Amino acid sequence: MEDAAALNNSGIALTEANRPFEAIPLFREALILEPENPLLWLNLGIAQQKTGEYPDAIDSFRRSLLINDKLTEAWHSIGLIYYEMNEFEMAEECYKSALSNNLSDPRIWNNLGVVYFNSNNFDEARSCFEKSVSLCPQYCDALVNLRDTCRELGDWRAAAEFERVLSGLDLPVKPDDA
């Protein structure tokens, strides 16, 4: 019988290899051994999210948060699901909860900005995108979003500057790459 850590590692590898349906049983088996391990619940939620099992994923993320409410990634993941379901107010709440635990994650600032952008709150969106770019200056998604927000606000000079920065980047940069 494998231990929970080995099952977790195998599940993570399968999830990362885009095989979440195979990973889910491994995480469940690991949770039988360690039901109070918040990272196992988080990883199960990530695999469920990849399969589109959103209610189950939210439940798993919430279980992880009951054990450790400081798991930024769980709050962020729930926010992504709510955004995908067009529940922008719920997504906003989750992103703010994630930021209350980690103000230095540019992905969360970017995603909160996207919620504001889609709610036509362009000033708040700009502020979030600027914070994201300040944390990761070559984060392509945030730069594109900031450029587009500046266009919506009629700040053509800033939009042109962000377009210039984008044109100078070789590869799309994500915060994990920076």
N, C-alpha and C. Protein backbone atom coordinates (compact mmCIF):
# COMPACT_ATOMS: atom_id res chain seq x y z
N MET A 1 0.84 -1.19 0.00
CA MET A 1 0.00 0.00 0.00
C MET A 1 0.89 1.25 0.00
N GLU A 2 0.58 2.18 -0.90
CA GLU A 2 1.37 3.40 -1.00
C GLU A 2 0.98 4.36 0.13
N ASP A 3 1.92 5.23 0.46
CA ASP A 3 1.59 6.24 1.46
C ASP A 3 0.96 7.45 0.77
N ALA A 4 0.40 8.33 1.59
CA ALA A 4 -0.34 9.49 1.05
C ALA A 4 0.55 10.38 0.20
N ALA A 5 1.80 10.56 0.60
CA ALA A 5 2.71 11.43 -0.16
C ALA A 5 2.97 10.87 -1.55
N ALA A 6 3.19 9.57 -1.65
CA ALA A 6 3.43 8.96 -2.96
C ALA A 6 2.19 9.05 -3.84
N LEU A 7 1.03 8.80 -3.26
CA LEU A 7 -0.22 8.92 -4.02
C LEU A 7 -0.43 10.35 -4.49
N ASN A 8 -0.14 11.30 -3.61
CA ASN A 8 -0.28 12.71 -3.97
C ASN A 8 0.65 13.07 -5.12
N ASN A 9 1.90 12.64 -5.01
CA ASN A 9 2.87 12.96 -6.07
C ASN A 9 2.45 12.35 -7.41
N SER A 10 1.96 11.13 -7.37
CA SER A 10 1.49 10.49 -8.61
C SER A 10 0.28 11.23 -9.17
N GLY A 11 -0.62 11.64 -8.28
CA GLY A 11 -1.80 12.39 -8.71
C GLY A 11 -1.44 13.73 -9.33
N ILE A 12 -0.48 14.41 -8.73
CA ILE A 12 -0.02 15.68 -9.28
C ILE A 12 0.57 15.47 -10.67
N ALA A 13 1.40 14.45 -10.81
CA ALA A 13 2.02 14.17 -12.11
C ALA A 13 0.96 13.88 -13.17
N LEU A 14 -0.05 13.12 -12.81
CA LEU A 14 -1.12 12.82 -13.77
C LEU A 14 -1.93 14.06 -14.11
N THR A 15 -2.21 14.89 -13.11
CA THR A 15 -2.96 16.12 -13.37
C THR A 15 -2.17 17.03 -14.30
N GLU A 16 -0.88 17.16 -14.03
CA GLU A 16 -0.03 18.01 -14.87
C GLU A 16 0.12 17.44 -16.28
N ALA A 17 -0.02 16.13 -16.43
CA ALA A 17 0.05 15.49 -17.74
C ALA A 17 -1.32 15.48 -18.43
N ASN A 18 -2.23 16.29 -17.91
CA ASN A 18 -3.59 16.42 -18.44
C ASN A 18 -4.33 15.08 -18.40
N ARG A 19 -4.14 14.37 -17.30
CA ARG A 19 -4.84 13.10 -17.07
C ARG A 19 -5.54 13.14 -15.71
N PRO A 20 -6.36 14.18 -15.48
CA PRO A 20 -6.97 14.37 -14.16
C PRO A 20 -7.94 13.25 -13.77
N PHE A 21 -8.59 12.62 -14.76
CA PHE A 21 -9.52 11.54 -14.41
C PHE A 21 -8.78 10.38 -13.74
N GLU A 22 -7.53 10.17 -14.12
CA GLU A 22 -6.72 9.12 -13.50
C GLU A 22 -6.16 9.58 -12.15
N ALA A 23 -6.01 10.88 -11.98
CA ALA A 23 -5.45 11.42 -10.74
C ALA A 23 -6.46 11.41 -9.59
N ILE A 24 -7.71 11.65 -9.91
CA ILE A 24 -8.74 11.78 -8.87
C ILE A 24 -8.79 10.58 -7.94
N PRO A 25 -8.81 9.35 -8.43
CA PRO A 25 -8.83 8.20 -7.50
C PRO A 25 -7.60 8.14 -6.58
N LEU A 26 -6.46 8.60 -7.08
CA LEU A 26 -5.25 8.59 -6.25
C LEU A 26 -5.38 9.59 -5.10
N PHE A 27 -5.90 10.78 -5.41
CA PHE A 27 -6.10 11.77 -4.35
C PHE A 27 -7.12 11.26 -3.33
N ARG A 28 -8.19 10.61 -3.81
CA ARG A 28 -9.19 10.07 -2.89
C ARG A 28 -8.59 8.99 -1.98
N GLU A 29 -7.74 8.15 -2.55
CA GLU A 29 -7.08 7.11 -1.76
C GLU A 29 -6.16 7.74 -0.71
N ALA A 30 -5.44 8.79 -1.11
CA ALA A 30 -4.56 9.49 -0.18
C ALA A 30 -5.36 10.13 0.94
N LEU A 31 -6.55 10.64 0.61
CA LEU A 31 -7.39 11.28 1.62
C LEU A 31 -7.96 10.28 2.63
N ILE A 32 -8.08 9.03 2.25
CA ILE A 32 -8.48 8.00 3.21
C ILE A 32 -7.39 7.87 4.28
N LEU A 33 -6.14 8.00 3.84
CA LEU A 33 -5.01 7.88 4.77
C LEU A 33 -4.79 9.16 5.58
N GLU A 34 -5.03 10.31 4.95
CA GLU A 34 -4.80 11.59 5.62
C GLU A 34 -5.96 12.55 5.33
N PRO A 35 -7.11 12.34 5.95
CA PRO A 35 -8.29 13.15 5.63
C PRO A 35 -8.19 14.61 6.04
N GLU A 36 -7.24 14.93 6.90
CA GLU A 36 -7.10 16.33 7.35
C GLU A 36 -5.94 17.04 6.66
N ASN A 37 -5.48 16.52 5.55
CA ASN A 37 -4.39 17.13 4.81
C ASN A 37 -4.97 18.12 3.80
N PRO A 38 -4.82 19.43 4.04
CA PRO A 38 -5.44 20.41 3.14
C PRO A 38 -4.88 20.39 1.73
N LEU A 39 -3.62 20.01 1.57
CA LEU A 39 -3.03 19.97 0.23
C LEU A 39 -3.60 18.84 -0.61
N LEU A 40 -3.97 17.75 0.02
CA LEU A 40 -4.62 16.67 -0.72
C LEU A 40 -5.98 17.13 -1.23
N TRP A 41 -6.73 17.83 -0.37
CA TRP A 41 -8.03 18.36 -0.81
C TRP A 41 -7.84 19.38 -1.93
N LEU A 42 -6.82 20.23 -1.80
CA LEU A 42 -6.53 21.22 -2.84
C LEU A 42 -6.22 20.52 -4.16
N ASN A 43 -5.35 19.53 -4.13
CA ASN A 43 -4.97 18.83 -5.36
C ASN A 43 -6.14 18.07 -5.97
N LEU A 44 -6.98 17.49 -5.13
CA LEU A 44 -8.19 16.84 -5.64
C LEU A 44 -9.06 17.88 -6.34
N GLY A 45 -9.22 19.04 -5.73
CA GLY A 45 -10.02 20.10 -6.34
C GLY A 45 -9.47 20.55 -7.68
N ILE A 46 -8.15 20.65 -7.78
CA ILE A 46 -7.52 21.06 -9.04
C ILE A 46 -7.82 20.03 -10.13
N ALA A 47 -7.70 18.76 -9.79
CA ALA A 47 -8.00 17.70 -10.77
C ALA A 47 -9.47 17.75 -11.16
N GLN A 48 -10.36 17.91 -10.19
CA GLN A 48 -11.80 17.99 -10.48
C GLN A 48 -12.11 19.21 -11.35
N GLN A 49 -11.45 20.32 -11.07
CA GLN A 49 -11.64 21.54 -11.86
C GLN A 49 -11.25 21.28 -13.32
N LYS A 50 -10.16 20.57 -13.52
CA LYS A 50 -9.71 20.28 -14.89
C LYS A 50 -10.69 19.39 -15.64
N THR A 51 -11.45 18.58 -14.91
CA THR A 51 -12.43 17.71 -15.57
C THR A 51 -13.77 18.41 -15.77
N GLY A 52 -13.89 19.62 -15.24
CA GLY A 52 -15.16 20.35 -15.36
C GLY A 52 -16.15 20.00 -14.27
N GLU A 53 -15.73 19.24 -13.28
CA GLU A 53 -16.60 18.89 -12.15
C GLU A 53 -16.58 20.04 -11.14
N TYR A 54 -17.16 21.17 -11.55
CA TYR A 54 -17.04 22.39 -10.74
C TYR A 54 -17.65 22.28 -9.35
N PRO A 55 -18.85 21.74 -9.18
CA PRO A 55 -19.38 21.64 -7.81
C PRO A 55 -18.49 20.78 -6.90
N ASP A 56 -18.00 19.67 -7.42
CA ASP A 56 -17.11 18.82 -6.63
C ASP A 56 -15.79 19.54 -6.33
N ALA A 57 -15.28 20.26 -7.32
CA ALA A 57 -14.03 21.00 -7.12
C ALA A 57 -14.20 22.06 -6.04
N ILE A 58 -15.30 22.82 -6.12
CA ILE A 58 -15.54 23.84 -5.10
C ILE A 58 -15.63 23.20 -3.72
N ASP A 59 -16.31 22.07 -3.64
CA ASP A 59 -16.42 21.36 -2.36
C ASP A 59 -15.04 20.95 -1.85
N SER A 60 -14.20 20.43 -2.72
CA SER A 60 -12.85 20.03 -2.30
C SER A 60 -12.02 21.23 -1.86
N PHE A 61 -12.11 22.32 -2.61
CA PHE A 61 -11.37 23.53 -2.22
C PHE A 61 -11.87 24.04 -0.87
N ARG A 62 -13.17 24.02 -0.67
CA ARG A 62 -13.73 24.48 0.61
C ARG A 62 -13.29 23.56 1.76
N ARG A 63 -13.18 22.27 1.50
CA ARG A 63 -12.69 21.34 2.53
C ARG A 63 -11.25 21.70 2.90
N SER A 64 -10.45 22.03 1.89
CA SER A 64 -9.06 22.42 2.18
C SER A 64 -9.03 23.69 3.02
N LEU A 65 -9.95 24.62 2.73
CA LEU A 65 -9.99 25.88 3.46
C LEU A 65 -10.51 25.72 4.88
N LEU A 66 -11.34 24.73 5.11
CA LEU A 66 -11.80 24.46 6.47
C LEU A 66 -10.62 24.01 7.35
N ILE A 67 -9.67 23.35 6.74
CA ILE A 67 -8.49 22.88 7.46
C ILE A 67 -7.45 23.99 7.56
N ASN A 68 -7.29 24.76 6.48
CA ASN A 68 -6.31 25.85 6.45
C ASN A 68 -6.86 26.98 5.58
N ASP A 69 -7.43 27.99 6.22
CA ASP A 69 -8.08 29.07 5.47
C ASP A 69 -7.08 30.04 4.83
N LYS A 70 -5.79 29.76 4.96
CA LYS A 70 -4.76 30.61 4.36
C LYS A 70 -4.26 30.06 3.02
N LEU A 71 -4.90 29.03 2.51
CA LEU A 71 -4.47 28.45 1.24
C LEU A 71 -4.91 29.35 0.08
N THR A 72 -4.03 30.22 -0.29
CA THR A 72 -4.32 31.19 -1.35
C THR A 72 -4.78 30.51 -2.62
N GLU A 73 -4.13 29.41 -2.98
CA GLU A 73 -4.44 28.74 -4.24
C GLU A 73 -5.87 28.20 -4.25
N ALA A 74 -6.39 27.80 -3.10
CA ALA A 74 -7.77 27.32 -3.04
C ALA A 74 -8.74 28.47 -3.30
N TRP A 75 -8.50 29.61 -2.64
CA TRP A 75 -9.36 30.78 -2.89
C TRP A 75 -9.29 31.19 -4.37
N HIS A 76 -8.09 31.22 -4.91
CA HIS A 76 -7.90 31.60 -6.31
C HIS A 76 -8.63 30.64 -7.24
N SER A 77 -8.51 29.35 -6.97
CA SER A 77 -9.16 28.35 -7.82
C SER A 77 -10.68 28.45 -7.77
N ILE A 78 -11.23 28.68 -6.60
CA ILE A 78 -12.69 28.86 -6.51
C ILE A 78 -13.09 30.10 -7.30
N GLY A 79 -12.29 31.16 -7.20
CA GLY A 79 -12.56 32.37 -7.97
C GLY A 79 -12.58 32.10 -9.47
N LEU A 80 -11.63 31.30 -9.94
CA LEU A 80 -11.59 30.95 -11.37
C LEU A 80 -12.85 30.21 -11.79
N ILE A 81 -13.32 29.31 -10.94
CA ILE A 81 -14.53 28.56 -11.27
C ILE A 81 -15.73 29.50 -11.33
N TYR A 82 -15.86 30.35 -10.32
CA TYR A 82 -16.99 31.29 -10.32
C TYR A 82 -16.93 32.22 -11.53
N TYR A 83 -15.73 32.65 -11.90
CA TYR A 83 -15.60 33.48 -13.09
C TYR A 83 -16.06 32.71 -14.32
N GLU A 84 -15.63 31.48 -14.44
CA GLU A 84 -16.02 30.63 -15.58
C GLU A 84 -17.54 30.46 -15.65
N MET A 85 -18.18 30.48 -14.49
CA MET A 85 -19.64 30.33 -14.41
C MET A 85 -20.36 31.68 -14.50
N ASN A 86 -19.61 32.75 -14.80
CA ASN A 86 -20.14 34.11 -14.91
C ASN A 86 -20.75 34.63 -13.61
N GLU A 87 -20.27 34.12 -12.49
CA GLU A 87 -20.68 34.60 -11.18
C GLU A 87 -19.59 35.54 -10.68
N PHE A 88 -19.59 36.75 -11.26
CA PHE A 88 -18.49 37.70 -11.05
C PHE A 88 -18.39 38.18 -9.61
N GLU A 89 -19.51 38.39 -8.94
CA GLU A 89 -19.44 38.86 -7.55
C GLU A 89 -18.79 37.80 -6.66
N MET A 90 -19.14 36.54 -6.88
CA MET A 90 -18.53 35.46 -6.10
C MET A 90 -17.04 35.33 -6.43
N ALA A 91 -16.71 35.47 -7.71
CA ALA A 91 -15.29 35.42 -8.11
C ALA A 91 -14.52 36.55 -7.44
N GLU A 92 -15.10 37.74 -7.44
CA GLU A 92 -14.45 38.89 -6.80
C GLU A 92 -14.18 38.61 -5.32
N GLU A 93 -15.16 38.08 -4.62
CA GLU A 93 -14.99 37.77 -3.20
C GLU A 93 -13.86 36.77 -2.98
N CYS A 94 -13.81 35.75 -3.82
CA CYS A 94 -12.76 34.74 -3.68
C CYS A 94 -11.38 35.32 -3.97
N TYR A 95 -11.26 36.13 -5.01
CA TYR A 95 -9.97 36.75 -5.33
C TYR A 95 -9.53 37.67 -4.19
N LYS A 96 -10.47 38.40 -3.61
CA LYS A 96 -10.11 39.27 -2.48
C LYS A 96 -9.67 38.45 -1.28
N SER A 97 -10.32 37.31 -1.06
CA SER A 97 -9.87 36.43 0.03
C SER A 97 -8.47 35.91 -0.25
N ALA A 98 -8.20 35.56 -1.50
CA ALA A 98 -6.86 35.10 -1.87
C ALA A 98 -5.84 36.21 -1.62
N LEU A 99 -6.19 37.43 -2.00
CA LEU A 99 -5.26 38.55 -1.82
C LEU A 99 -5.06 38.88 -0.35
N SER A 100 -6.05 38.59 0.49
CA SER A 100 -5.87 38.85 1.93
C SER A 100 -4.78 37.95 2.51
N ASN A 101 -4.49 36.86 1.83
CA ASN A 101 -3.43 35.94 2.25
C ASN A 101 -2.13 36.16 1.50
N ASN A 102 -2.20 36.75 0.31
CA ASN A 102 -1.00 36.91 -0.51
C ASN A 102 -1.20 38.07 -1.48
N LEU A 103 -0.68 39.22 -1.10
CA LEU A 103 -0.80 40.42 -1.95
C LEU A 103 0.21 40.44 -3.10
N SER A 104 1.10 39.48 -3.14
CA SER A 104 2.18 39.54 -4.12
C SER A 104 2.02 38.55 -5.28
N ASP A 105 0.82 38.03 -5.48
CA ASP A 105 0.60 37.09 -6.59
C ASP A 105 0.00 37.86 -7.77
N PRO A 106 0.76 38.06 -8.83
CA PRO A 106 0.25 38.85 -9.96
C PRO A 106 -0.93 38.19 -10.68
N ARG A 107 -1.02 36.87 -10.62
CA ARG A 107 -2.15 36.19 -11.28
C ARG A 107 -3.48 36.59 -10.64
N ILE A 108 -3.48 36.68 -9.32
CA ILE A 108 -4.72 37.03 -8.63
C ILE A 108 -5.11 38.47 -8.94
N TRP A 109 -4.14 39.37 -8.91
CA TRP A 109 -4.44 40.77 -9.27
C TRP A 109 -4.98 40.85 -10.70
N ASN A 110 -4.37 40.11 -11.61
CA ASN A 110 -4.83 40.12 -13.00
C ASN A 110 -6.26 39.59 -13.10
N ASN A 111 -6.54 38.48 -12.43
CA ASN A 111 -7.87 37.89 -12.53
C ASN A 111 -8.94 38.76 -11.87
N LEU A 112 -8.58 39.42 -10.77
CA LEU A 112 -9.52 40.37 -10.17
C LEU A 112 -9.78 41.52 -11.15
N GLY A 113 -8.74 41.97 -11.82
CA GLY A 113 -8.91 43.02 -12.83
C GLY A 113 -9.82 42.59 -13.96
N VAL A 114 -9.73 41.34 -14.36
CA VAL A 114 -10.60 40.83 -15.43
C VAL A 114 -12.07 40.87 -14.99
N VAL A 115 -12.31 40.53 -13.72
CA VAL A 115 -13.68 40.61 -13.20
C VAL A 115 -14.18 42.04 -13.29
N TYR A 116 -13.36 42.98 -12.85
CA TYR A 116 -13.77 44.40 -12.91
C TYR A 116 -13.96 44.86 -14.36
N PHE A 117 -13.06 44.44 -15.24
CA PHE A 117 -13.17 44.81 -16.65
C PHE A 117 -14.50 44.32 -17.22
N ASN A 118 -14.84 43.07 -16.95
CA ASN A 118 -16.09 42.50 -17.46
C ASN A 118 -17.33 43.09 -16.81
N SER A 119 -17.13 43.79 -15.70
CA SER A 119 -18.23 44.49 -15.04
C SER A 119 -18.22 45.98 -15.41
N ASN A 120 -17.40 46.33 -16.41
CA ASN A 120 -17.25 47.71 -16.89
C ASN A 120 -16.76 48.67 -15.82
N ASN A 121 -16.06 48.16 -14.83
CA ASN A 121 -15.44 48.99 -13.80
C ASN A 121 -13.97 49.15 -14.19
N PHE A 122 -13.74 50.00 -15.19
CA PHE A 122 -12.42 50.09 -15.81
C PHE A 122 -11.37 50.72 -14.91
N ASP A 123 -11.76 51.65 -14.04
CA ASP A 123 -10.78 52.25 -13.14
C ASP A 123 -10.22 51.21 -12.16
N GLU A 124 -11.11 50.41 -11.58
CA GLU A 124 -10.64 49.34 -10.67
C GLU A 124 -9.84 48.30 -11.44
N ALA A 125 -10.30 47.97 -12.65
CA ALA A 125 -9.57 47.00 -13.47
C ALA A 125 -8.14 47.50 -13.72
N ARG A 126 -8.02 48.76 -14.10
CA ARG A 126 -6.70 49.32 -14.38
C ARG A 126 -5.80 49.23 -13.16
N SER A 127 -6.34 49.56 -12.02
CA SER A 127 -5.57 49.51 -10.79
C SER A 127 -5.05 48.08 -10.53
N CYS A 128 -5.90 47.09 -10.73
CA CYS A 128 -5.49 45.69 -10.53
C CYS A 128 -4.43 45.27 -11.54
N PHE A 129 -4.63 45.63 -12.80
CA PHE A 129 -3.66 45.25 -13.83
C PHE A 129 -2.31 45.93 -13.58
N GLU A 130 -2.35 47.20 -13.14
CA GLU A 130 -1.11 47.90 -12.83
C GLU A 130 -0.37 47.21 -11.69
N LYS A 131 -1.11 46.77 -10.67
CA LYS A 131 -0.49 46.06 -9.56
C LYS A 131 0.12 44.75 -10.06
N SER A 132 -0.60 44.03 -10.91
CA SER A 132 -0.09 42.78 -11.47
C SER A 132 1.21 43.01 -12.23
N VAL A 133 1.23 44.03 -13.08
CA VAL A 133 2.42 44.33 -13.88
C VAL A 133 3.56 44.82 -13.00
N SER A 134 3.23 45.52 -11.92
CA SER A 134 4.30 45.96 -11.01
C SER A 134 4.98 44.77 -10.34
N LEU A 135 4.22 43.70 -10.14
CA LEU A 135 4.78 42.49 -9.53
C LEU A 135 5.51 41.60 -10.53
N CYS A 136 5.09 41.67 -11.78
CA CYS A 136 5.70 40.85 -12.84
C CYS A 136 5.67 41.68 -14.13
N PRO A 137 6.69 42.52 -14.34
CA PRO A 137 6.66 43.51 -15.42
C PRO A 137 6.48 42.97 -16.84
N GLN A 138 6.78 41.69 -17.07
CA GLN A 138 6.62 41.14 -18.41
C GLN A 138 5.50 40.11 -18.49
N TYR A 139 4.54 40.21 -17.60
CA TYR A 139 3.39 39.31 -17.57
C TYR A 139 2.45 39.70 -18.71
N CYS A 140 2.51 38.92 -19.80
CA CYS A 140 1.80 39.27 -21.03
C CYS A 140 0.30 39.46 -20.84
N ASP A 141 -0.36 38.53 -20.15
CA ASP A 141 -1.80 38.64 -19.97
C ASP A 141 -2.16 39.95 -19.29
N ALA A 142 -1.43 40.31 -18.24
CA ALA A 142 -1.72 41.55 -17.52
C ALA A 142 -1.42 42.77 -18.39
N LEU A 143 -0.35 42.70 -19.17
CA LEU A 143 -0.03 43.83 -20.06
C LEU A 143 -1.10 44.02 -21.14
N VAL A 144 -1.57 42.92 -21.72
CA VAL A 144 -2.64 43.01 -22.72
C VAL A 144 -3.90 43.58 -22.07
N ASN A 145 -4.23 43.09 -20.88
CA ASN A 145 -5.42 43.58 -20.19
C ASN A 145 -5.29 45.05 -19.82
N LEU A 146 -4.09 45.45 -19.40
CA LEU A 146 -3.86 46.85 -19.05
C LEU A 146 -3.96 47.73 -20.29
N ARG A 147 -3.38 47.28 -21.39
CA ARG A 147 -3.49 48.03 -22.65
C ARG A 147 -4.96 48.20 -23.05
N ASP A 148 -5.71 47.11 -23.01
CA ASP A 148 -7.11 47.17 -23.41
C ASP A 148 -7.94 48.06 -22.47
N THR A 149 -7.62 48.02 -21.19
CA THR A 149 -8.33 48.85 -20.22
C THR A 149 -8.03 50.32 -20.47
N CYS A 150 -6.77 50.63 -20.75
CA CYS A 150 -6.41 52.02 -21.07
C CYS A 150 -7.15 52.50 -22.31
N ARG A 151 -7.32 51.64 -23.27
CA ARG A 151 -8.10 51.99 -24.47
C ARG A 151 -9.55 52.29 -24.09
N GLU A 152 -10.13 51.45 -23.23
CA GLU A 152 -11.51 51.68 -22.78
C GLU A 152 -11.65 53.02 -22.05
N LEU A 153 -10.60 53.39 -21.32
CA LEU A 153 -10.62 54.64 -20.56
C LEU A 153 -10.22 55.85 -21.42
N GLY A 154 -9.82 55.59 -22.66
CA GLY A 154 -9.41 56.67 -23.55
C GLY A 154 -8.01 57.19 -23.26
N ASP A 155 -7.22 56.45 -22.55
CA ASP A 155 -5.84 56.84 -22.26
C ASP A 155 -4.95 56.23 -23.34
N TRP A 156 -4.95 56.87 -24.49
CA TRP A 156 -4.29 56.33 -25.67
C TRP A 156 -2.78 56.30 -25.53
N ARG A 157 -2.21 57.27 -24.82
CA ARG A 157 -0.77 57.30 -24.62
C ARG A 157 -0.31 56.08 -23.82
N ALA A 158 -1.01 55.80 -22.72
CA ALA A 158 -0.66 54.63 -21.91
C ALA A 158 -0.87 53.34 -22.70
N ALA A 159 -1.97 53.27 -23.44
CA ALA A 159 -2.25 52.07 -24.25
C ALA A 159 -1.12 51.84 -25.26
N ALA A 160 -0.65 52.92 -25.88
CA ALA A 160 0.45 52.80 -26.85
C ALA A 160 1.73 52.34 -26.17
N GLU A 161 1.98 52.82 -24.96
CA GLU A 161 3.18 52.41 -24.23
C GLU A 161 3.13 50.91 -23.90
N PHE A 162 1.97 50.43 -23.46
CA PHE A 162 1.86 49.01 -23.15
C PHE A 162 1.95 48.16 -24.42
N GLU A 163 1.45 48.68 -25.52
CA GLU A 163 1.60 47.98 -26.81
C GLU A 163 3.08 47.89 -27.18
N ARG A 164 3.82 48.97 -26.94
CA ARG A 164 5.26 48.98 -27.22
C ARG A 164 5.98 47.93 -26.37
N VAL A 165 5.63 47.87 -25.08
CA VAL A 165 6.25 46.88 -24.19
C VAL A 165 5.94 45.47 -24.68
N LEU A 166 4.67 45.24 -25.04
CA LEU A 166 4.27 43.92 -25.53
C LEU A 166 5.02 43.53 -26.80
N SER A 167 5.22 44.47 -27.70
CA SER A 167 5.89 44.16 -28.96
C SER A 167 7.36 43.80 -28.75
N GLY A 168 7.93 44.21 -27.62
CA GLY A 168 9.32 43.90 -27.33
C GLY A 168 9.54 42.58 -26.63
N LEU A 169 8.47 41.90 -26.27
CA LEU A 169 8.62 40.63 -25.56
C LEU A 169 8.80 39.49 -26.56
N ASP A 170 9.71 38.59 -26.24
CA ASP A 170 9.97 37.45 -27.12
C ASP A 170 8.92 36.36 -26.95
N LEU A 171 8.61 36.00 -25.72
CA LEU A 171 7.70 34.91 -25.42
C LEU A 171 6.65 35.38 -24.42
N PRO A 172 5.49 34.76 -24.47
CA PRO A 172 4.51 35.09 -23.43
C PRO A 172 5.08 34.75 -22.05
N VAL A 173 5.05 35.70 -21.15
CA VAL A 173 5.55 35.49 -19.81
C VAL A 173 4.38 35.36 -18.86
N LYS A 174 4.37 34.27 -18.12
CA LYS A 174 3.41 34.05 -17.05
C LYS A 174 4.15 34.27 -15.74
N PRO A 175 3.47 34.62 -14.67
CA PRO A 175 4.15 34.87 -13.41
C PRO A 175 5.05 33.72 -12.95
N ASP A 176 4.68 32.48 -13.22
CA ASP A 176 5.51 31.35 -12.82
C ASP A 176 6.81 31.30 -13.60
N ASP A 177 6.84 31.96 -14.78
CA ASP A 177 8.05 31.96 -15.61
C ASP A 177 8.99 33.10 -15.24
N ALA A 178 8.46 34.10 -14.57
CA ALA A 178 9.27 35.30 -14.30
C ALA A 178 10.23 35.09 -13.16
